[in-house]
Amino acid sequence: MYSNPVAPFSATIAAGTGTLAMTGAGSLFWLALAAFAMLALGLAIKRIVPVRARKTNRG
């Protein structure tokens, strides 16, 4: 790895094609994973932020 000058170049090519190096997983997988992470983050923030109580007119 360190003595092979072609390894960084091949990693750059693999990253430029939209696949993760050495896995072959396409960008659609990573897009779906990012969407799931953003949804989970949004739901976690929604749980943490306190909910304002509605004002009710009693009487």
PDB file of N, CA and C in Angstrom:
ATOM      1  N   MET A   1       0.814  -1.186   0.000  1.00  0.00           N
ATOM      2  CA  MET A   1       0.000   0.000   0.000  1.00  0.00           C
ATOM      3  C   MET A   1       0.863   1.257   0.000  1.00  0.00           C
ATOM      4  N   TYR A   2       1.808   1.327   0.919  1.00  0.00           N
ATOM      5  CA  TYR A   2       2.654   2.520   0.995  1.00  0.00           C
ATOM      6  C   TYR A   2       3.727   2.531  -0.077  1.00  0.00           C
ATOM      7  N   SER A   3       4.165   1.357  -0.512  1.00  0.00           N
ATOM      8  CA  SER A   3       5.199   1.312  -1.531  1.00  0.00           C
ATOM      9  C   SER A   3       4.625   1.264  -2.944  1.00  0.00           C
ATOM     10  N   ASN A   4       3.304   1.209  -3.077  1.00  0.00           N
ATOM     11  CA  ASN A   4       2.669   1.143  -4.388  1.00  0.00           C
ATOM     12  C   ASN A   4       2.150   2.533  -4.764  1.00  0.00           C
ATOM     13  N   PRO A   5       2.780   3.208  -5.733  1.00  0.00           N
ATOM     14  CA  PRO A   5       2.340   4.563  -6.088  1.00  0.00           C
ATOM     15  C   PRO A   5       1.023   4.585  -6.860  1.00  0.00           C
ATOM     16  N   VAL A   6       0.548   3.437  -7.336  1.00  0.00           N
ATOM     17  CA  VAL A   6      -0.687   3.387  -8.105  1.00  0.00           C
ATOM     18  C   VAL A   6      -1.908   3.313  -7.195  1.00  0.00           C
ATOM     19  N   ALA A   7      -1.761   2.893  -5.947  1.00  0.00           N
ATOM     20  CA  ALA A   7      -2.898   2.704  -5.041  1.00  0.00           C
ATOM     21  C   ALA A   7      -3.683   3.991  -4.788  1.00  0.00           C
ATOM     22  N   PRO A   8      -3.056   5.133  -4.500  1.00  0.00           N
ATOM     23  CA  PRO A   8      -3.867   6.345  -4.306  1.00  0.00           C
ATOM     24  C   PRO A   8      -4.603   6.764  -5.571  1.00  0.00           C
ATOM     25  N   PHE A   9      -3.983   6.529  -6.724  1.00  0.00           N
ATOM     26  CA  PHE A   9      -4.620   6.886  -7.993  1.00  0.00           C
ATOM     27  C   PHE A   9      -5.856   6.027  -8.242  1.00  0.00           C
ATOM     28  N   SER A  10      -5.762   4.738  -7.938  1.00  0.00           N
ATOM     29  CA  SER A  10      -6.910   3.853  -8.168  1.00  0.00           C
ATOM     30  C   SER A  10      -8.031   4.157  -7.186  1.00  0.00           C
ATOM     31  N   ALA A  11      -7.685   4.580  -5.979  1.00  0.00           N
ATOM     32  CA  ALA A  11      -8.720   4.956  -5.012  1.00  0.00           C
ATOM     33  C   ALA A  11      -9.437   6.219  -5.466  1.00  0.00           C
ATOM     34  N   THR A  12      -8.703   7.138  -6.085  1.00  0.00           N
ATOM     35  CA  THR A  12      -9.310   8.360  -6.612  1.00  0.00           C
ATOM     36  C   THR A  12     -10.261   8.035  -7.750  1.00  0.00           C
ATOM     37  N   ILE A  13      -9.878   7.126  -8.601  1.00  0.00           N
ATOM     38  CA  ILE A  13     -10.750   6.728  -9.717  1.00  0.00           C
ATOM     39  C   ILE A  13     -11.998   6.048  -9.182  1.00  0.00           C
ATOM     40  N   ALA A  14     -11.848   5.182  -8.190  1.00  0.00           N
ATOM     41  CA  ALA A  14     -13.004   4.485  -7.620  1.00  0.00           C
ATOM     42  C   ALA A  14     -13.963   5.474  -6.956  1.00  0.00           C
ATOM     43  N   ALA A  15     -13.424   6.493  -6.294  1.00  0.00           N
ATOM     44  CA  ALA A  15     -14.282   7.484  -5.650  1.00  0.00           C
ATOM     45  C   ALA A  15     -14.975   8.349  -6.687  1.00  0.00           C
ATOM     46  N   GLY A  16     -14.321   8.596  -7.809  1.00  0.00           N
ATOM     47  CA  GLY A  16     -14.913   9.434  -8.842  1.00  0.00           C
ATOM     48  C   GLY A  16     -16.026   8.750  -9.610  1.00  0.00           C
ATOM     49  N   THR A  17     -16.057   7.424  -9.608  1.00  0.00           N
ATOM     50  CA  THR A  17     -17.088   6.704 -10.351  1.00  0.00           C
ATOM     51  C   THR A  17     -18.362   6.529  -9.554  1.00  0.00           C
ATOM     52  N   GLY A  18     -18.399   6.955  -8.301  1.00  0.00           N
ATOM     53  CA  GLY A  18     -19.613   6.842  -7.510  1.00  0.00           C
ATOM     54  C   GLY A  18     -19.725   5.555  -6.727  1.00  0.00           C
ATOM     55  N   THR A  19     -18.665   4.790  -6.643  1.00  0.00           N
ATOM     56  CA  THR A  19     -18.704   3.554  -5.868  1.00  0.00           C
ATOM     57  C   THR A  19     -17.693   3.646  -4.738  1.00  0.00           C
ATOM     58  N   LEU A  20     -17.984   2.954  -3.694  1.00  0.00           N
ATOM     59  CA  LEU A  20     -17.041   2.884  -2.583  1.00  0.00           C
ATOM     60  C   LEU A  20     -15.945   1.895  -2.950  1.00  0.00           C
ATOM     61  N   ALA A  21     -14.718   2.284  -2.704  1.00  0.00           N
ATOM     62  CA  ALA A  21     -13.596   1.436  -3.093  1.00  0.00           C
ATOM     63  C   ALA A  21     -13.694   0.067  -2.418  1.00  0.00           C
ATOM     64  N   MET A  22     -13.446  -0.965  -3.176  1.00  0.00           N
ATOM     65  CA  MET A  22     -13.370  -2.355  -2.737  1.00  0.00           C
ATOM     66  C   MET A  22     -14.724  -2.967  -2.368  1.00  0.00           C
ATOM     67  N   THR A  23     -15.838  -2.239  -2.506  1.00  0.00           N
ATOM     68  CA  THR A  23     -17.129  -2.837  -2.183  1.00  0.00           C
ATOM     69  C   THR A  23     -18.010  -2.967  -3.412  1.00  0.00           C
ATOM     70  N   GLY A  24     -17.917  -2.011  -4.340  1.00  0.00           N
ATOM     71  CA  GLY A  24     -18.761  -2.050  -5.513  1.00  0.00           C
ATOM     72  C   GLY A  24     -20.171  -1.540  -5.257  1.00  0.00           C
ATOM     73  N   ALA A  25     -20.441  -1.046  -4.048  1.00  0.00           N
ATOM     74  CA  ALA A  25     -21.776  -0.536  -3.739  1.00  0.00           C
ATOM     75  C   ALA A  25     -21.991   0.779  -4.473  1.00  0.00           C
ATOM     76  N   GLY A  26     -23.096   0.892  -5.165  1.00  0.00           N
ATOM     77  CA  GLY A  26     -23.379   2.080  -5.965  1.00  0.00           C
ATOM     78  C   GLY A  26     -23.847   3.248  -5.119  1.00  0.00           C
ATOM     79  N   SER A  27     -24.003   4.390  -5.776  1.00  0.00           N
ATOM     80  CA  SER A  27     -24.368   5.610  -5.064  1.00  0.00           C
ATOM     81  C   SER A  27     -25.819   5.588  -4.603  1.00  0.00           C
ATOM     82  N   LEU A  28     -26.669   4.775  -5.228  1.00  0.00           N
ATOM     83  CA  LEU A  28     -28.064   4.686  -4.794  1.00  0.00           C
ATOM     84  C   LEU A  28     -28.151   4.147  -3.363  1.00  0.00           C
ATOM     85  N   PHE A  29     -27.309   3.187  -3.034  1.00  0.00           N
ATOM     86  CA  PHE A  29     -27.262   2.646  -1.683  1.00  0.00           C
ATOM     87  C   PHE A  29     -26.893   3.726  -0.681  1.00  0.00           C
ATOM     88  N   TRP A  30     -25.884   4.533  -1.012  1.00  0.00           N
ATOM     89  CA  TRP A  30     -25.442   5.573  -0.089  1.00  0.00           C
ATOM     90  C   TRP A  30     -26.461   6.689   0.011  1.00  0.00           C
ATOM     91  N   LEU A  31     -27.178   6.967  -1.068  1.00  0.00           N
ATOM     92  CA  LEU A  31     -28.249   7.964  -1.027  1.00  0.00           C
ATOM     93  C   LEU A  31     -29.384   7.496  -0.114  1.00  0.00           C
ATOM     94  N   ALA A  32     -29.756   6.236  -0.215  1.00  0.00           N
ATOM     95  CA  ALA A  32     -30.793   5.688   0.659  1.00  0.00           C
ATOM     96  C   ALA A  32     -30.328   5.677   2.115  1.00  0.00           C
ATOM     97  N   LEU A  33     -29.075   5.351   2.336  1.00  0.00           N
ATOM     98  CA  LEU A  33     -28.548   5.345   3.701  1.00  0.00           C
ATOM     99  C   LEU A  33     -28.526   6.752   4.293  1.00  0.00           C
ATOM    100  N   ALA A  34     -28.163   7.744   3.482  1.00  0.00           N
ATOM    101  CA  ALA A  34     -28.164   9.135   3.940  1.00  0.00           C
ATOM    102  C   ALA A  34     -29.577   9.615   4.219  1.00  0.00           C
ATOM    103  N   ALA A  35     -30.539   9.228   3.386  1.00  0.00           N
ATOM    104  CA  ALA A  35     -31.935   9.614   3.618  1.00  0.00           C
ATOM    105  C   ALA A  35     -32.447   9.019   4.915  1.00  0.00           C
ATOM    106  N   PHE A  36     -32.118   7.769   5.182  1.00  0.00           N
ATOM    107  CA  PHE A  36     -32.532   7.136   6.436  1.00  0.00           C
ATOM    108  C   PHE A  36     -31.898   7.826   7.631  1.00  0.00           C
ATOM    109  N   ALA A  37     -30.633   8.202   7.515  1.00  0.00           N
ATOM    110  CA  ALA A  37     -29.949   8.882   8.614  1.00  0.00           C
ATOM    111  C   ALA A  37     -30.567  10.255   8.883  1.00  0.00           C
ATOM    112  N   MET A  38     -30.915  10.979   7.820  1.00  0.00           N
ATOM    113  CA  MET A  38     -31.541  12.294   7.998  1.00  0.00           C
ATOM    114  C   MET A  38     -32.928  12.161   8.620  1.00  0.00           C
ATOM    115  N   LEU A  39     -33.676  11.142   8.226  1.00  0.00           N
ATOM    116  CA  LEU A  39     -34.993  10.901   8.819  1.00  0.00           C
ATOM    117  C   LEU A  39     -34.858  10.563  10.299  1.00  0.00           C
ATOM    118  N   ALA A  40     -33.906   9.709  10.638  1.00  0.00           N
ATOM    119  CA  ALA A  40     -33.686   9.345  12.036  1.00  0.00           C
ATOM    120  C   ALA A  40     -33.256  10.555  12.851  1.00  0.00           C
ATOM    121  N   LEU A  41     -32.415  11.412  12.272  1.00  0.00           N
ATOM    122  CA  LEU A  41     -31.981  12.616  12.964  1.00  0.00           C
ATOM    123  C   LEU A  41     -33.159  13.551  13.203  1.00  0.00           C
ATOM    124  N   GLY A  42     -33.994  13.726  12.204  1.00  0.00           N
ATOM    125  CA  GLY A  42     -35.167  14.591  12.349  1.00  0.00           C
ATOM    126  C   GLY A  42     -36.123  14.083  13.408  1.00  0.00           C
ATOM    127  N   LEU A  43     -36.353  12.781  13.435  1.00  0.00           N
ATOM    128  CA  LEU A  43     -37.248  12.226  14.450  1.00  0.00           C
ATOM    129  C   LEU A  43     -36.644  12.333  15.850  1.00  0.00           C
ATOM    130  N   ALA A  44     -35.331  12.193  15.961  1.00  0.00           N
ATOM    131  CA  ALA A  44     -34.676  12.334  17.265  1.00  0.00           C
ATOM    132  C   ALA A  44     -34.769  13.770  17.764  1.00  0.00           C
ATOM    133  N   ILE A  45     -34.569  14.732  16.878  1.00  0.00           N
ATOM    134  CA  ILE A  45     -34.676  16.137  17.271  1.00  0.00           C
ATOM    135  C   ILE A  45     -36.112  16.467  17.657  1.00  0.00           C
ATOM    136  N   LYS A  46     -37.069  15.898  16.936  1.00  0.00           N
ATOM    137  CA  LYS A  46     -38.477  16.135  17.248  1.00  0.00           C
ATOM    138  C   LYS A  46     -38.821  15.606  18.646  1.00  0.00           C
ATOM    139  N   ARG A  47     -38.199  14.513  19.036  1.00  0.00           N
ATOM    140  CA  ARG A  47     -38.439  13.979  20.384  1.00  0.00           C
ATOM    141  C   ARG A  47     -37.804  14.848  21.463  1.00  0.00           C
ATOM    142  N   ILE A  48     -36.658  15.419  21.164  1.00  0.00           N
ATOM    143  CA  ILE A  48     -35.922  16.172  22.171  1.00  0.00           C
ATOM    144  C   ILE A  48     -36.530  17.551  22.401  1.00  0.00           C
ATOM    145  N   VAL A  49     -36.937  18.225  21.335  1.00  0.00           N
ATOM    146  CA  VAL A  49     -37.456  19.589  21.448  1.00  0.00           C
ATOM    147  C   VAL A  49     -38.798  19.548  22.166  1.00  0.00           C
ATOM    148  N   PRO A  50     -38.967  20.376  23.201  1.00  0.00           N
ATOM    149  CA  PRO A  50     -40.234  20.344  23.937  1.00  0.00           C
ATOM    150  C   PRO A  50     -41.397  20.855  23.082  1.00  0.00           C
ATOM    151  N   VAL A  51     -42.538  20.279  23.324  1.00  0.00           N
ATOM    152  CA  VAL A  51     -43.741  20.630  22.575  1.00  0.00           C
ATOM    153  C   VAL A  51     -44.460  21.757  23.311  1.00  0.00           C
ATOM    154  N   ARG A  52     -44.833  22.796  22.568  1.00  0.00           N
ATOM    155  CA  ARG A  52     -45.578  23.893  23.183  1.00  0.00           C
ATOM    156  C   ARG A  52     -47.005  23.443  23.440  1.00  0.00           C
ATOM    157  N   ALA A  53     -47.479  23.763  24.635  1.00  0.00           N
ATOM    158  CA  ALA A  53     -48.856  23.418  24.978  1.00  0.00           C
ATOM    159  C   ALA A  53     -49.815  24.373  24.274  1.00  0.00           C
ATOM    160  N   ARG A  54     -50.917  23.854  23.798  1.00  0.00           N
ATOM    161  CA  ARG A  54     -51.907  24.694  23.146  1.00  0.00           C
ATOM    162  C   ARG A  54     -52.678  25.487  24.187  1.00  0.00           C
ATOM    163  N   LYS A  55     -52.977  26.728  23.835  1.00  0.00           N
ATOM    164  CA  LYS A  55     -53.766  27.559  24.731  1.00  0.00           C
ATOM    165  C   LYS A  55     -55.237  27.231  24.495  1.00  0.00           C
ATOM    166  N   THR A  56     -55.922  26.887  25.565  1.00  0.00           N
ATOM    167  CA  THR A  56     -57.338  26.575  25.454  1.00  0.00           C
ATOM    168  C   THR A  56     -58.140  27.634  26.181  1.00  0.00           C
ATOM    169  N   ASN A  57     -59.264  27.966  25.633  1.00  0.00           N
ATOM    170  CA  ASN A  57     -60.147  28.939  26.281  1.00  0.00           C
ATOM    171  C   ASN A  57     -61.127  28.183  27.180  1.00  0.00           C
ATOM    172  N   ARG A  58     -60.907  28.305  28.471  1.00  0.00           N
ATOM    173  CA  ARG A  58     -61.801  27.647  29.427  1.00  0.00           C
ATOM    174  C   ARG A  58     -62.633  28.719  30.113  1.00  0.00           C
ATOM    175  N   GLY A  59     -63.811  28.840  29.674  1.00  0.00           N
ATOM    176  CA  GLY A  59     -64.748  29.711  30.356  1.00  0.00           C
ATOM    177  C   GLY A  59     -64.659  31.093  29.939  1.00  0.00           C
TER     178      GLY A  59
END
